[in-house]
C-alpha cells in the first residue's frame, strides 16, 4: 500500500528534451514509427505540439495512444491561462494532422487514416 512519506519515493530532476532529440540521442530515426505511447502526467499536449513542429506529416506515427485522465484533473485544479482544456487542445492538435479518436475510458487511441 502507498504510504505518504514512504522512503521509496524519489525526487530527481529529469532533463527536458524534445521527442526528436530523445530519439536522436538513442539512435532511433523518426521515420517509420508504428506507434507512440505517451503518458507524461497531463503534459501530452506539449510533447505533441513540439513533435508536430519537428516531424514532417509523412513521418508521423499512424497510432498514438495517450492518457487523458490526468489532463482532465489538471484542467479542474490548474486551468491553463487561456482557459483551453488540455484534452481539447490535444485533440485539436491531433485532429489537425488527420487523427481520429477512440475513447478507451482513461485513455485515447488516436489513429491517422491517411
Foldseek 3Di string as FASTA:
>chain_A
DDDPPDPVDDDDDDDDDAPCVVCVVVVHDLAPDAEAEDEDQQCVLVNLVRVPVPDDLNRDHQKYKYFCQRQVVCCVVPNDPVSDRSVVSSVVSLVVSQWDWDDPDRMIITGHDD
